[in-house]
Amino acid sequence: MAKRSRAKYRGTIDSITVPPAAAAPSFSAVVLEHSAAGNADAAQAEVPPGPSSRRKPSGQRIRLIWIGQRQIAGISAGTDLEFEGMVSLVDGIPTIYNPRYEINCRQERT
């Protein structure tokens, strides 16, 4: 992954972090990225939407940070989403600030 590059990913939220009320508002989520080919070498590949394109996590963790937000509706641990933005390394972790995102719904089994 380049030091600063624009990329589109798909993954599952592993954890979220909300700072204390006295701190500046922000909302952070750590996502386990799903790769198109099932390995970390394909980390920047675009993955088409839909249940048939669901992949296992490649192990790469990406941090998403929304500045000025204390919570984001629909964003919680276990949520699948597609997201894109400018990726930078912050404290050695790939990070995207204020990403564009789309929550992927899961089909219920009948």
N, C-alpha and C. Protein backbone atom coordinates (compact mmCIF):
# COMPACT_ATOMS: atom_id res chain seq x y z
N MET A 1 0.85 -1.17 0.00
CA MET A 1 0.00 0.00 0.00
C MET A 1 0.90 1.24 0.00
N ALA A 2 0.61 2.18 -0.87
CA ALA A 2 1.37 3.43 -0.92
C ALA A 2 1.12 4.24 0.34
N LYS A 3 2.05 5.16 0.66
CA LYS A 3 1.90 5.95 1.88
C LYS A 3 0.62 6.78 1.88
N ARG A 4 0.31 7.39 0.77
CA ARG A 4 -0.94 8.14 0.64
C ARG A 4 -1.56 7.76 -0.70
N SER A 5 -2.68 7.11 -0.64
CA SER A 5 -3.33 6.71 -1.88
C SER A 5 -4.84 6.66 -1.66
N ARG A 6 -5.57 6.88 -2.74
CA ARG A 6 -7.03 6.78 -2.68
C ARG A 6 -7.38 5.33 -3.00
N ALA A 7 -8.25 4.74 -2.19
CA ALA A 7 -8.57 3.32 -2.38
C ALA A 7 -10.01 3.03 -1.97
N LYS A 8 -10.51 1.91 -2.47
CA LYS A 8 -11.84 1.43 -2.13
C LYS A 8 -11.68 0.03 -1.55
N TYR A 9 -12.36 -0.23 -0.43
CA TYR A 9 -12.25 -1.50 0.27
C TYR A 9 -13.63 -2.02 0.63
N ARG A 10 -13.63 -3.27 1.10
CA ARG A 10 -14.82 -3.88 1.67
C ARG A 10 -14.36 -4.65 2.90
N GLY A 11 -15.13 -4.58 3.98
CA GLY A 11 -14.71 -5.28 5.18
C GLY A 11 -15.79 -5.35 6.23
N THR A 12 -15.41 -5.89 7.38
CA THR A 12 -16.32 -6.06 8.51
C THR A 12 -15.74 -5.30 9.69
N ILE A 13 -16.59 -4.52 10.37
CA ILE A 13 -16.12 -3.75 11.51
C ILE A 13 -15.79 -4.70 12.65
N ASP A 14 -14.56 -4.58 13.15
CA ASP A 14 -14.08 -5.41 14.24
C ASP A 14 -14.35 -4.74 15.59
N SER A 15 -14.13 -3.43 15.65
CA SER A 15 -14.35 -2.70 16.91
C SER A 15 -14.61 -1.23 16.63
N ILE A 16 -15.24 -0.56 17.59
CA ILE A 16 -15.46 0.88 17.48
C ILE A 16 -14.93 1.54 18.76
N THR A 17 -14.59 2.82 18.63
CA THR A 17 -14.09 3.59 19.77
C THR A 17 -14.75 4.95 19.78
N VAL A 18 -15.27 5.32 20.93
CA VAL A 18 -15.87 6.64 21.11
C VAL A 18 -15.09 7.33 22.23
N PRO A 19 -14.50 8.51 21.97
CA PRO A 19 -13.74 9.19 23.02
C PRO A 19 -14.66 9.74 24.11
N PRO A 20 -14.10 10.11 25.25
CA PRO A 20 -14.91 10.68 26.34
C PRO A 20 -15.62 11.96 25.91
N ALA A 21 -16.68 12.30 26.62
CA ALA A 21 -17.48 13.48 26.28
C ALA A 21 -16.66 14.77 26.32
N ALA A 22 -15.63 14.83 27.15
CA ALA A 22 -14.82 16.04 27.26
C ALA A 22 -13.87 16.22 26.07
N ALA A 23 -13.62 15.17 25.31
CA ALA A 23 -12.71 15.23 24.16
C ALA A 23 -13.47 15.74 22.92
N ALA A 24 -12.70 16.14 21.92
CA ALA A 24 -13.29 16.58 20.66
C ALA A 24 -14.08 15.42 20.06
N PRO A 25 -15.26 15.72 19.46
CA PRO A 25 -16.07 14.64 18.91
C PRO A 25 -15.40 13.94 17.73
N SER A 26 -15.35 12.62 17.81
CA SER A 26 -14.88 11.78 16.71
C SER A 26 -15.40 10.38 16.96
N PHE A 27 -15.43 9.59 15.92
CA PHE A 27 -15.92 8.22 16.00
C PHE A 27 -14.95 7.38 15.20
N SER A 28 -14.47 6.30 15.76
CA SER A 28 -13.45 5.49 15.11
C SER A 28 -13.91 4.04 15.04
N ALA A 29 -13.61 3.40 13.92
CA ALA A 29 -13.91 1.97 13.74
C ALA A 29 -12.70 1.29 13.13
N VAL A 30 -12.40 0.10 13.59
CA VAL A 30 -11.33 -0.71 12.99
C VAL A 30 -12.02 -1.78 12.16
N VAL A 31 -11.62 -1.86 10.89
CA VAL A 31 -12.26 -2.77 9.94
C VAL A 31 -11.27 -3.86 9.53
N LEU A 32 -11.74 -5.10 9.49
CA LEU A 32 -10.98 -6.20 8.90
C LEU A 32 -11.33 -6.22 7.43
N GLU A 33 -10.35 -5.94 6.60
CA GLU A 33 -10.57 -5.81 5.16
C GLU A 33 -10.75 -7.17 4.50
N HIS A 34 -11.67 -7.24 3.53
CA HIS A 34 -11.88 -8.44 2.71
C HIS A 34 -11.20 -8.17 1.38
N SER A 35 -10.35 -9.06 0.94
CA SER A 35 -9.68 -8.84 -0.34
C SER A 35 -10.42 -9.57 -1.44
N ALA A 36 -10.22 -9.10 -2.67
CA ALA A 36 -10.89 -9.69 -3.82
C ALA A 36 -10.36 -11.09 -4.12
N ALA A 37 -9.07 -11.32 -3.89
CA ALA A 37 -8.48 -12.62 -4.20
C ALA A 37 -8.27 -13.48 -2.98
N GLY A 38 -8.69 -12.98 -1.80
CA GLY A 38 -8.54 -13.77 -0.59
C GLY A 38 -7.17 -13.67 0.04
N ASN A 39 -6.35 -12.70 -0.40
CA ASN A 39 -5.04 -12.51 0.24
C ASN A 39 -4.73 -11.03 0.35
N ALA A 40 -3.73 -10.70 1.14
CA ALA A 40 -3.38 -9.30 1.41
C ALA A 40 -2.80 -8.60 0.18
N ASP A 41 -2.29 -9.34 -0.81
CA ASP A 41 -1.73 -8.71 -2.00
C ASP A 41 -2.80 -8.00 -2.82
N ALA A 42 -4.04 -8.39 -2.66
CA ALA A 42 -5.13 -7.79 -3.42
C ALA A 42 -5.88 -6.76 -2.59
N ALA A 43 -5.23 -6.17 -1.61
CA ALA A 43 -5.90 -5.29 -0.66
C ALA A 43 -6.56 -4.09 -1.30
N GLN A 44 -6.05 -3.61 -2.42
CA GLN A 44 -6.63 -2.43 -3.02
C GLN A 44 -7.60 -2.75 -4.15
N ALA A 45 -7.88 -4.00 -4.37
CA ALA A 45 -8.80 -4.38 -5.43
C ALA A 45 -10.23 -4.01 -5.05
N GLU A 46 -10.98 -3.55 -6.03
CA GLU A 46 -12.38 -3.23 -5.78
C GLU A 46 -13.18 -4.52 -5.78
N VAL A 47 -14.13 -4.61 -4.88
CA VAL A 47 -14.96 -5.79 -4.75
C VAL A 47 -16.38 -5.40 -5.09
N PRO A 48 -17.03 -6.09 -6.04
CA PRO A 48 -18.40 -5.74 -6.37
C PRO A 48 -19.34 -6.04 -5.22
N PRO A 49 -20.42 -5.25 -5.10
CA PRO A 49 -21.37 -5.47 -4.01
C PRO A 49 -22.18 -6.74 -4.21
N GLY A 50 -22.84 -7.17 -3.13
CA GLY A 50 -23.74 -8.31 -3.23
C GLY A 50 -23.29 -9.46 -2.37
N PRO A 51 -24.22 -10.31 -1.96
CA PRO A 51 -23.89 -11.41 -1.07
C PRO A 51 -22.95 -12.43 -1.69
N SER A 52 -22.96 -12.56 -3.01
CA SER A 52 -22.09 -13.54 -3.64
C SER A 52 -20.63 -13.10 -3.62
N SER A 53 -20.37 -11.80 -3.37
CA SER A 53 -19.00 -11.31 -3.37
C SER A 53 -18.39 -11.29 -1.98
N ARG A 54 -19.07 -11.86 -1.00
CA ARG A 54 -18.60 -11.87 0.38
C ARG A 54 -17.29 -12.65 0.49
N ARG A 55 -16.31 -12.06 1.13
CA ARG A 55 -14.99 -12.68 1.26
C ARG A 55 -14.63 -12.84 2.73
N LYS A 56 -13.69 -13.72 3.01
CA LYS A 56 -13.15 -13.84 4.35
C LYS A 56 -12.14 -12.70 4.55
N PRO A 57 -12.00 -12.23 5.79
CA PRO A 57 -11.04 -11.16 6.05
C PRO A 57 -9.63 -11.58 5.67
N SER A 58 -8.88 -10.64 5.07
CA SER A 58 -7.50 -10.92 4.69
C SER A 58 -6.56 -10.70 5.86
N GLY A 59 -7.08 -10.12 6.94
CA GLY A 59 -6.24 -9.88 8.10
C GLY A 59 -5.77 -8.45 8.19
N GLN A 60 -5.85 -7.68 7.11
CA GLN A 60 -5.41 -6.28 7.15
C GLN A 60 -6.44 -5.46 7.91
N ARG A 61 -5.97 -4.69 8.85
CA ARG A 61 -6.85 -3.80 9.63
C ARG A 61 -6.70 -2.39 9.11
N ILE A 62 -7.84 -1.73 8.95
CA ILE A 62 -7.87 -0.35 8.49
C ILE A 62 -8.72 0.43 9.48
N ARG A 63 -8.20 1.57 9.91
CA ARG A 63 -8.95 2.41 10.85
C ARG A 63 -9.71 3.49 10.08
N LEU A 64 -10.99 3.63 10.41
CA LEU A 64 -11.83 4.69 9.83
C LEU A 64 -12.12 5.68 10.94
N ILE A 65 -11.96 6.97 10.67
CA ILE A 65 -12.22 8.00 11.67
C ILE A 65 -13.14 9.05 11.07
N TRP A 66 -14.27 9.27 11.73
CA TRP A 66 -15.19 10.34 11.34
C TRP A 66 -15.00 11.49 12.33
N ILE A 67 -14.50 12.61 11.86
CA ILE A 67 -14.28 13.79 12.70
C ILE A 67 -15.61 14.51 12.89
N GLY A 68 -15.89 14.95 14.12
CA GLY A 68 -17.10 15.71 14.40
C GLY A 68 -18.33 14.85 14.67
N GLN A 69 -18.17 13.54 14.73
CA GLN A 69 -19.29 12.63 14.96
C GLN A 69 -19.03 11.82 16.23
N ARG A 70 -20.02 11.68 17.07
CA ARG A 70 -19.88 10.82 18.26
C ARG A 70 -20.45 9.43 17.98
N GLN A 71 -21.31 9.30 17.00
CA GLN A 71 -21.82 7.99 16.59
C GLN A 71 -22.28 8.09 15.14
N ILE A 72 -22.32 6.95 14.47
CA ILE A 72 -22.78 6.85 13.09
C ILE A 72 -23.86 5.78 13.08
N ALA A 73 -25.06 6.14 12.63
CA ALA A 73 -26.17 5.18 12.59
C ALA A 73 -25.80 3.98 11.73
N GLY A 74 -26.01 2.79 12.25
CA GLY A 74 -25.76 1.55 11.51
C GLY A 74 -24.34 1.04 11.60
N ILE A 75 -23.43 1.82 12.16
CA ILE A 75 -22.04 1.39 12.27
C ILE A 75 -21.82 0.81 13.67
N SER A 76 -21.59 -0.50 13.73
CA SER A 76 -21.30 -1.19 14.99
C SER A 76 -20.46 -2.42 14.66
N ALA A 77 -19.91 -3.05 15.68
CA ALA A 77 -19.08 -4.24 15.47
C ALA A 77 -19.90 -5.30 14.74
N GLY A 78 -19.29 -5.90 13.71
CA GLY A 78 -19.96 -6.93 12.93
C GLY A 78 -20.62 -6.43 11.67
N THR A 79 -20.71 -5.12 11.48
CA THR A 79 -21.34 -4.54 10.28
C THR A 79 -20.42 -4.71 9.08
N ASP A 80 -20.97 -5.17 7.95
CA ASP A 80 -20.23 -5.25 6.69
C ASP A 80 -20.43 -3.94 5.95
N LEU A 81 -19.34 -3.41 5.39
CA LEU A 81 -19.49 -2.19 4.62
C LEU A 81 -18.41 -2.07 3.57
N GLU A 82 -18.71 -1.24 2.57
CA GLU A 82 -17.75 -0.83 1.57
C GLU A 82 -17.40 0.60 1.90
N PHE A 83 -16.13 0.96 1.76
CA PHE A 83 -15.72 2.32 2.08
C PHE A 83 -14.57 2.73 1.19
N GLU A 84 -14.41 4.03 1.04
CA GLU A 84 -13.33 4.55 0.22
C GLU A 84 -12.87 5.88 0.75
N GLY A 85 -11.64 6.22 0.42
CA GLY A 85 -11.08 7.48 0.83
C GLY A 85 -9.58 7.48 0.67
N MET A 86 -8.95 8.55 1.17
CA MET A 86 -7.50 8.70 1.10
C MET A 86 -6.89 7.95 2.28
N VAL A 87 -6.06 6.98 1.97
CA VAL A 87 -5.43 6.15 3.00
C VAL A 87 -4.07 6.75 3.37
N SER A 88 -3.86 6.94 4.67
CA SER A 88 -2.56 7.39 5.18
C SER A 88 -2.17 6.50 6.35
N LEU A 89 -0.89 6.39 6.59
CA LEU A 89 -0.43 5.63 7.75
C LEU A 89 -0.39 6.57 8.95
N VAL A 90 -1.12 6.21 10.01
CA VAL A 90 -1.13 6.97 11.26
C VAL A 90 -0.75 5.98 12.36
N ASP A 91 0.36 6.24 13.02
CA ASP A 91 0.89 5.33 14.04
C ASP A 91 1.06 3.91 13.49
N GLY A 92 1.44 3.80 12.22
CA GLY A 92 1.68 2.51 11.59
C GLY A 92 0.43 1.77 11.15
N ILE A 93 -0.75 2.38 11.28
CA ILE A 93 -2.00 1.74 10.90
C ILE A 93 -2.61 2.49 9.72
N PRO A 94 -2.98 1.78 8.64
CA PRO A 94 -3.66 2.47 7.53
C PRO A 94 -4.95 3.10 8.05
N THR A 95 -5.13 4.39 7.77
CA THR A 95 -6.25 5.16 8.32
C THR A 95 -6.91 5.99 7.24
N ILE A 96 -8.24 6.04 7.27
CA ILE A 96 -9.01 6.89 6.37
C ILE A 96 -9.85 7.82 7.23
N TYR A 97 -9.70 9.13 7.00
CA TYR A 97 -10.52 10.12 7.71
C TYR A 97 -11.77 10.43 6.89
N ASN A 98 -12.91 10.51 7.55
CA ASN A 98 -14.20 10.84 6.94
C ASN A 98 -14.44 10.07 5.64
N PRO A 99 -14.42 8.73 5.72
CA PRO A 99 -14.59 7.92 4.50
C PRO A 99 -16.01 7.98 3.96
N ARG A 100 -16.12 7.79 2.67
CA ARG A 100 -17.44 7.51 2.08
C ARG A 100 -17.68 6.05 2.37
N TYR A 101 -18.92 5.71 2.69
CA TYR A 101 -19.19 4.31 3.03
C TYR A 101 -20.60 3.93 2.63
N GLU A 102 -20.78 2.63 2.48
CA GLU A 102 -22.10 2.05 2.19
C GLU A 102 -22.21 0.78 3.01
N ILE A 103 -23.26 0.71 3.82
CA ILE A 103 -23.48 -0.47 4.65
C ILE A 103 -24.09 -1.56 3.78
N ASN A 104 -23.53 -2.75 3.84
CA ASN A 104 -24.03 -3.89 3.08
C ASN A 104 -24.93 -4.71 3.99
N CYS A 105 -26.16 -4.92 3.53
CA CYS A 105 -27.07 -5.71 4.35
C CYS A 105 -26.79 -7.19 4.14
N ARG A 106 -27.14 -7.95 5.14
CA ARG A 106 -27.00 -9.41 5.07
C ARG A 106 -28.35 -10.01 4.79
N GLN A 107 -28.39 -10.95 3.87
CA GLN A 107 -29.65 -11.62 3.59
C GLN A 107 -29.95 -12.61 4.71
N GLU A 108 -31.19 -12.61 5.15
CA GLU A 108 -31.59 -13.56 6.18
C GLU A 108 -31.82 -14.91 5.54
N ARG A 109 -31.43 -15.94 6.24
CA ARG A 109 -31.65 -17.30 5.75
C ARG A 109 -33.03 -17.75 6.16
N THR A 110 -33.74 -18.37 5.26
CA THR A 110 -35.10 -18.81 5.58
C THR A 110 -35.17 -20.31 5.75
